[in-house]
PDB file of N, CA and C in Angstrom:
ATOM      1  N   UNK A   1      23.338 -15.479  -7.598  1.00  0.00           N
ATOM      2  CA  UNK A   1      22.208 -15.453  -6.683  1.00  0.00           C
ATOM      3  C   UNK A   1      22.206 -14.204  -5.811  1.00  0.00           C
ATOM      4  N   UNK A   2      21.002 -13.601  -5.609  1.00  0.00           N
ATOM      5  CA  UNK A   2      20.936 -12.465  -4.842  1.00  0.00           C
ATOM      6  C   UNK A   2      20.949 -12.745  -3.402  1.00  0.00           C
ATOM      7  N   UNK A   3      21.916 -12.184  -2.593  1.00  0.00           N
ATOM      8  CA  UNK A   3      22.018 -12.400  -1.128  1.00  0.00           C
ATOM      9  C   UNK A   3      21.472 -11.324  -0.437  1.00  0.00           C
ATOM     10  N   UNK A   4      20.556 -10.478  -0.993  1.00  0.00           N
ATOM     11  CA  UNK A   4      19.887  -9.442  -0.329  1.00  0.00           C
ATOM     12  C   UNK A   4      18.923  -9.773   0.751  1.00  0.00           C
ATOM     13  N   UNK A   5      18.621  -8.841   1.692  1.00  0.00           N
ATOM     14  CA  UNK A   5      17.546  -9.129   2.669  1.00  0.00           C
ATOM     15  C   UNK A   5      16.451  -8.201   2.233  1.00  0.00           C
ATOM     16  N   UNK A   6      15.132  -8.627   2.466  1.00  0.00           N
ATOM     17  CA  UNK A   6      13.984  -7.875   2.209  1.00  0.00           C
ATOM     18  C   UNK A   6      13.127  -7.886   3.446  1.00  0.00           C
ATOM     19  N   UNK A   7      12.499  -6.754   3.669  1.00  0.00           N
ATOM     20  CA  UNK A   7      11.581  -6.531   4.741  1.00  0.00           C
ATOM     21  C   UNK A   7      10.177  -6.340   4.074  1.00  0.00           C
ATOM     22  N   UNK A   8       9.112  -6.790   4.849  1.00  0.00           N
ATOM     23  CA  UNK A   8       7.756  -6.676   4.431  1.00  0.00           C
ATOM     24  C   UNK A   8       6.987  -5.874   5.500  1.00  0.00           C
ATOM     25  N   UNK A   9       6.223  -4.911   5.007  1.00  0.00           N
ATOM     26  CA  UNK A   9       5.461  -4.077   5.825  1.00  0.00           C
ATOM     27  C   UNK A   9       4.004  -3.995   5.329  1.00  0.00           C
ATOM     28  N   UNK A  10       3.042  -3.581   6.081  1.00  0.00           N
ATOM     29  CA  UNK A  10       1.762  -3.414   5.599  1.00  0.00           C
ATOM     30  C   UNK A  10       1.406  -1.932   5.700  1.00  0.00           C
ATOM     31  N   UNK A  11       0.809  -1.413   4.639  1.00  0.00           N
ATOM     32  CA  UNK A  11       0.386  -0.017   4.591  1.00  0.00           C
ATOM     33  C   UNK A  11      -1.046  -0.002   4.078  1.00  0.00           C
ATOM     34  N   UNK A  12      -1.751   1.058   4.397  1.00  0.00           N
ATOM     35  CA  UNK A  12      -3.108   1.305   3.898  1.00  0.00           C
ATOM     36  C   UNK A  12      -3.235   2.619   3.219  1.00  0.00           C
ATOM     37  N   UNK A  13      -3.790   2.507   1.989  1.00  0.00           N
ATOM     38  CA  UNK A  13      -3.998   3.791   1.157  1.00  0.00           C
ATOM     39  C   UNK A  13      -5.343   4.107   1.185  1.00  0.00           C
ATOM     40  N   UNK A  14      -5.745   5.423   1.157  1.00  0.00           N
ATOM     41  CA  UNK A  14      -7.062   5.891   1.232  1.00  0.00           C
ATOM     42  C   UNK A  14      -7.341   6.773   0.028  1.00  0.00           C
ATOM     43  N   UNK A  15      -8.456   6.637  -0.580  1.00  0.00           N
ATOM     44  CA  UNK A  15      -8.861   7.455  -1.750  1.00  0.00           C
ATOM     45  C   UNK A  15     -10.334   7.636  -1.825  1.00  0.00           C
ATOM     46  N   UNK A  16     -10.790   8.746  -2.304  1.00  0.00           N
ATOM     47  CA  UNK A  16     -12.261   9.030  -2.535  1.00  0.00           C
ATOM     48  C   UNK A  16     -12.660   8.585  -3.932  1.00  0.00           C
ATOM     49  N   UNK A  17     -11.714   8.065  -4.732  1.00  0.00           N
ATOM     50  CA  UNK A  17     -11.953   7.745  -6.137  1.00  0.00           C
ATOM     51  C   UNK A  17     -12.156   6.195  -6.318  1.00  0.00           C
ATOM     52  N   UNK A  18     -11.193   5.422  -5.813  1.00  0.00           N
ATOM     53  CA  UNK A  18     -11.233   3.957  -6.083  1.00  0.00           C
ATOM     54  C   UNK A  18     -10.260   3.211  -5.315  1.00  0.00           C
ATOM     55  N   UNK A  19     -10.353   1.861  -5.255  1.00  0.00           N
ATOM     56  CA  UNK A  19      -9.482   0.934  -4.612  1.00  0.00           C
ATOM     57  C   UNK A  19      -8.046   1.090  -5.258  1.00  0.00           C
ATOM     58  N   UNK A  20      -8.089   1.041  -6.611  1.00  0.00           N
ATOM     59  CA  UNK A  20      -6.825   1.170  -7.276  1.00  0.00           C
ATOM     60  C   UNK A  20      -6.104   2.488  -6.990  1.00  0.00           C
ATOM     61  N   UNK A  21      -6.797   3.593  -6.889  1.00  0.00           N
ATOM     62  CA  UNK A  21      -6.184   4.808  -6.545  1.00  0.00           C
ATOM     63  C   UNK A  21      -5.701   4.862  -5.120  1.00  0.00           C
ATOM     64  N   UNK A  22      -6.346   4.174  -4.282  1.00  0.00           N
ATOM     65  CA  UNK A  22      -6.013   3.944  -2.869  1.00  0.00           C
ATOM     66  C   UNK A  22      -4.588   3.228  -2.750  1.00  0.00           C
ATOM     67  N   UNK A  23      -4.434   2.228  -3.571  1.00  0.00           N
ATOM     68  CA  UNK A  23      -3.180   1.515  -3.654  1.00  0.00           C
ATOM     69  C   UNK A  23      -2.053   2.370  -4.213  1.00  0.00           C
ATOM     70  N   UNK A  24      -2.294   3.189  -5.174  1.00  0.00           N
ATOM     71  CA  UNK A  24      -1.330   4.033  -5.773  1.00  0.00           C
ATOM     72  C   UNK A  24      -0.921   5.115  -4.741  1.00  0.00           C
ATOM     73  N   UNK A  25      -1.887   5.612  -3.993  1.00  0.00           N
ATOM     74  CA  UNK A  25      -1.620   6.643  -2.933  1.00  0.00           C
ATOM     75  C   UNK A  25      -0.685   6.025  -1.914  1.00  0.00           C
ATOM     76  N   UNK A  26      -0.981   4.751  -1.457  1.00  0.00           N
ATOM     77  CA  UNK A  26      -0.006   4.081  -0.544  1.00  0.00           C
ATOM     78  C   UNK A  26       1.373   3.983  -0.974  1.00  0.00           C
ATOM     79  N   UNK A  27       1.495   3.526  -2.277  1.00  0.00           N
ATOM     80  CA  UNK A  27       2.849   3.405  -2.844  1.00  0.00           C
ATOM     81  C   UNK A  27       3.533   4.737  -3.044  1.00  0.00           C
ATOM     82  N   UNK A  28       2.839   5.740  -3.449  1.00  0.00           N
ATOM     83  CA  UNK A  28       3.436   7.035  -3.653  1.00  0.00           C
ATOM     84  C   UNK A  28       3.912   7.571  -2.269  1.00  0.00           C
ATOM     85  N   UNK A  29       3.157   7.312  -1.298  1.00  0.00           N
ATOM     86  CA  UNK A  29       3.591   7.798   0.126  1.00  0.00           C
ATOM     87  C   UNK A  29       4.779   7.094   0.644  1.00  0.00           C
ATOM     88  N   UNK A  30       4.768   5.802   0.519  1.00  0.00           N
ATOM     89  CA  UNK A  30       6.073   5.143   1.101  1.00  0.00           C
ATOM     90  C   UNK A  30       7.250   5.240   0.271  1.00  0.00           C
ATOM     91  N   UNK A  31       7.100   5.560  -1.080  1.00  0.00           N
ATOM     92  CA  UNK A  31       8.178   5.806  -1.899  1.00  0.00           C
ATOM     93  C   UNK A  31       9.002   6.946  -1.591  1.00  0.00           C
ATOM     94  N   UNK A  32       8.382   7.815  -0.746  1.00  0.00           N
ATOM     95  CA  UNK A  32       9.141   9.075  -0.313  1.00  0.00           C
ATOM     96  C   UNK A  32      10.186   8.738   0.767  1.00  0.00           C
ATOM     97  N   UNK A  33       9.991   7.556   1.478  1.00  0.00           N
ATOM     98  CA  UNK A  33      10.868   7.252   2.604  1.00  0.00           C
ATOM     99  C   UNK A  33      11.691   5.792   2.383  1.00  0.00           C
ATOM    100  N   UNK A  34      11.091   5.036   1.509  1.00  0.00           N
ATOM    101  CA  UNK A  34      11.731   3.710   1.253  1.00  0.00           C
ATOM    102  C   UNK A  34      12.417   3.668  -0.113  1.00  0.00           C
ATOM    103  N   UNK A  35      13.329   2.816  -0.189  1.00  0.00           N
ATOM    104  CA  UNK A  35      14.019   2.696  -1.486  1.00  0.00           C
ATOM    105  C   UNK A  35      13.965   1.213  -1.996  1.00  0.00           C
ATOM    106  N   UNK A  36      14.044   1.062  -3.256  1.00  0.00           N
ATOM    107  CA  UNK A  36      14.047  -0.249  -3.885  1.00  0.00           C
ATOM    108  C   UNK A  36      12.826  -1.101  -3.401  1.00  0.00           C
ATOM    109  N   UNK A  37      11.637  -0.529  -3.573  1.00  0.00           N
ATOM    110  CA  UNK A  37      10.368  -1.233  -3.336  1.00  0.00           C
ATOM    111  C   UNK A  37      10.308  -2.395  -4.419  1.00  0.00           C
ATOM    112  N   UNK A  38       9.961  -3.552  -4.008  1.00  0.00           N
ATOM    113  CA  UNK A  38      10.041  -4.683  -5.019  1.00  0.00           C
ATOM    114  C   UNK A  38       8.600  -5.157  -5.388  1.00  0.00           C
ATOM    115  N   UNK A  39       7.797  -5.378  -4.415  1.00  0.00           N
ATOM    116  CA  UNK A  39       6.544  -6.108  -4.594  1.00  0.00           C
ATOM    117  C   UNK A  39       5.392  -5.489  -3.666  1.00  0.00           C
ATOM    118  N   UNK A  40       4.221  -5.271  -4.258  1.00  0.00           N
ATOM    119  CA  UNK A  40       3.082  -4.859  -3.326  1.00  0.00           C
ATOM    120  C   UNK A  40       2.029  -5.774  -3.671  1.00  0.00           C
ATOM    121  N   UNK A  41       1.511  -6.393  -2.592  1.00  0.00           N
ATOM    122  CA  UNK A  41       0.392  -7.342  -2.752  1.00  0.00           C
ATOM    123  C   UNK A  41      -0.879  -6.830  -2.053  1.00  0.00           C
ATOM    124  N   UNK A  42      -1.940  -6.776  -2.741  1.00  0.00           N
ATOM    125  CA  UNK A  42      -3.203  -6.260  -2.142  1.00  0.00           C
ATOM    126  C   UNK A  42      -3.692  -7.453  -1.203  1.00  0.00           C
ATOM    127  N   UNK A  43      -3.895  -7.057   0.066  1.00  0.00           N
ATOM    128  CA  UNK A  43      -4.378  -8.110   0.985  1.00  0.00           C
ATOM    129  C   UNK A  43      -5.836  -7.921   1.545  1.00  0.00           C
ATOM    130  N   UNK A  44      -6.339  -6.515   1.188  1.00  0.00           N
ATOM    131  CA  UNK A  44      -7.675  -6.333   1.738  1.00  0.00           C
ATOM    132  C   UNK A  44      -8.239  -4.994   1.065  1.00  0.00           C
ATOM    133  N   UNK A  45      -9.376  -4.960   0.768  1.00  0.00           N
ATOM    134  CA  UNK A  45     -10.070  -3.741   0.269  1.00  0.00           C
ATOM    135  C   UNK A  45     -11.306  -3.577   0.953  1.00  0.00           C
ATOM    136  N   UNK A  46     -11.576  -2.316   1.454  1.00  0.00           N
ATOM    137  CA  UNK A  46     -12.841  -2.059   2.093  1.00  0.00           C
ATOM    138  C   UNK A  46     -13.191  -0.605   1.894  1.00  0.00           C
ATOM    139  N   UNK A  47     -14.412  -0.192   2.396  1.00  0.00           N
ATOM    140  CA  UNK A  47     -14.839   1.145   2.164  1.00  0.00           C
ATOM    141  C   UNK A  47     -15.290   1.769   3.441  1.00  0.00           C
ATOM    142  N   UNK A  48     -15.219   3.107   3.555  1.00  0.00           N
ATOM    143  CA  UNK A  48     -15.684   3.852   4.659  1.00  0.00           C
ATOM    144  C   UNK A  48     -17.100   4.360   4.119  1.00  0.00           C
ATOM    145  N   UNK A  49     -18.064   4.221   4.947  1.00  0.00           N
ATOM    146  CA  UNK A  49     -19.429   4.682   4.654  1.00  0.00           C
ATOM    147  C   UNK A  49     -19.952   5.671   5.588  1.00  0.00           C
ATOM    148  N   UNK A  50     -20.677   6.650   5.109  1.00  0.00           N
ATOM    149  CA  UNK A  50     -21.448   7.645   5.867  1.00  0.00           C
ATOM    150  C   UNK A  50     -22.833   7.835   5.356  1.00  0.00           C
ATOM    151  N   UNK A  51     -23.823   7.663   6.142  1.00  0.00           N
ATOM    152  CA  UNK A  51     -25.196   7.757   5.711  1.00  0.00           C
ATOM    153  C   UNK A  51     -25.504   6.890   4.438  1.00  0.00           C
ATOM    154  N   UNK A  52     -24.900   5.628   4.558  1.00  0.00           N
ATOM    155  CA  UNK A  52     -25.128   4.658   3.457  1.00  0.00           C
ATOM    156  C   UNK A  52     -24.540   5.023   2.103  1.00  0.00           C
ATOM    157  N   UNK A  53     -23.478   5.950   2.126  1.00  0.00           N
ATOM    158  CA  UNK A  53     -22.767   6.420   0.874  1.00  0.00           C
ATOM    159  C   UNK A  53     -21.319   6.183   1.125  1.00  0.00           C
ATOM    160  N   UNK A  54     -20.731   5.787   0.023  1.00  0.00           N
ATOM    161  CA  UNK A  54     -19.216   5.563   0.029  1.00  0.00           C
ATOM    162  C   UNK A  54     -18.537   7.009   0.095  1.00  0.00           C
ATOM    163  N   UNK A  55     -17.648   7.085   1.175  1.00  0.00           N
ATOM    164  CA  UNK A  55     -16.898   8.294   1.284  1.00  0.00           C
ATOM    165  C   UNK A  55     -15.477   8.040   1.084  1.00  0.00           C
ATOM    166  N   UNK A  56     -14.979   6.824   1.152  1.00  0.00           N
ATOM    167  CA  UNK A  56     -13.635   6.562   0.947  1.00  0.00           C
ATOM    168  C   UNK A  56     -13.305   5.028   0.653  1.00  0.00           C
ATOM    169  N   UNK A  57     -12.363   4.822  -0.217  1.00  0.00           N
ATOM    170  CA  UNK A  57     -11.923   3.380  -0.541  1.00  0.00           C
ATOM    171  C   UNK A  57     -10.578   3.271   0.175  1.00  0.00           C
ATOM    172  N   UNK A  58     -10.481   2.046   0.886  1.00  0.00           N
ATOM    173  CA  UNK A  58      -9.226   1.768   1.494  1.00  0.00           C
ATOM    174  C   UNK A  58      -8.623   0.464   0.950  1.00  0.00           C
ATOM    175  N   UNK A  59      -7.315   0.468   0.648  1.00  0.00           N
ATOM    176  CA  UNK A  59      -6.663  -0.688   0.151  1.00  0.00           C
ATOM    177  C   UNK A  59      -5.412  -0.996   1.051  1.00  0.00           C
ATOM    178  N   UNK A  60      -5.388  -2.217   1.575  1.00  0.00           N
ATOM    179  CA  UNK A  60      -4.238  -2.642   2.415  1.00  0.00           C
ATOM    180  C   UNK A  60      -3.286  -3.451   1.641  1.00  0.00           C
ATOM    181  N   UNK A  61      -2.056  -3.043   1.698  1.00  0.00           N
ATOM    182  CA  UNK A  61      -0.953  -3.719   0.833  1.00  0.00           C
ATOM    183  C   UNK A  61       0.149  -4.297   1.781  1.00  0.00           C
ATOM    184  N   UNK A  62       0.679  -5.453   1.421  1.00  0.00           N
ATOM    185  CA  UNK A  62       1.954  -5.974   1.942  1.00  0.00           C
ATOM    186  C   UNK A  62       3.023  -5.517   0.875  1.00  0.00           C
ATOM    187  N   UNK A  63       3.943  -4.818   1.382  1.00  0.00           N
ATOM    188  CA  UNK A  63       4.952  -4.224   0.530  1.00  0.00           C
ATOM    189  C   UNK A  63       6.337  -4.738   0.970  1.00  0.00           C
ATOM    190  N   UNK A  64       7.195  -5.238  -0.052  1.00  0.00           N
ATOM    191  CA  UNK A  64       8.464  -5.704   0.308  1.00  0.00           C
ATOM    192  C   UNK A  64       9.469  -4.790  -0.357  1.00  0.00           C
ATOM    193  N   UNK A  65      10.588  -4.444   0.382  1.00  0.00           N
ATOM    194  CA  UNK A  65      11.621  -3.647  -0.097  1.00  0.00           C
ATOM    195  C   UNK A  65      12.994  -4.168   0.437  1.00  0.00           C
ATOM    196  N   UNK A  66      14.048  -3.693  -0.235  1.00  0.00           N
ATOM    197  CA  UNK A  66      15.315  -4.107   0.084  1.00  0.00           C
ATOM    198  C   UNK A  66      15.690  -3.560   1.392  1.00  0.00           C
ATOM    199  N   UNK A  67      16.388  -4.260   2.305  1.00  0.00           N
ATOM    200  CA  UNK A  67      16.550  -3.825   3.619  1.00  0.00           C
ATOM    201  C   UNK A  67      18.204  -3.905   3.824  1.00  0.00           C
ATOM    202  N   UNK A  68      18.774  -2.800   4.110  1.00  0.00           N
ATOM    203  CA  UNK A  68      20.194  -2.872   4.348  1.00  0.00           C
ATOM    204  C   UNK A  68      20.412  -2.987   5.888  1.00  0.00           C
ATOM    205  N   UNK A  69      21.239  -3.909   6.235  1.00  0.00           N
ATOM    206  CA  UNK A  69      21.592  -4.091   7.687  1.00  0.00           C
ATOM    207  C   UNK A  69      22.752  -3.454   8.091  1.00  0.00           C
TER     208      UNK A  69
END
């Protein structure tokens, strides 16, 4: 049995392309500082609009990673 501890944080990725790309951006960014990322759950997706046009996609994720105490 795994006796490790995991922490969960929320992050938001931003992309001009798509919600999926925004999620990838978020994971690529946190991967630079966190290790052993286990699960990423999409909890919300929305868009930024200007003059009734989509200018950015935003994806909010809950991410769990191994936490060393």
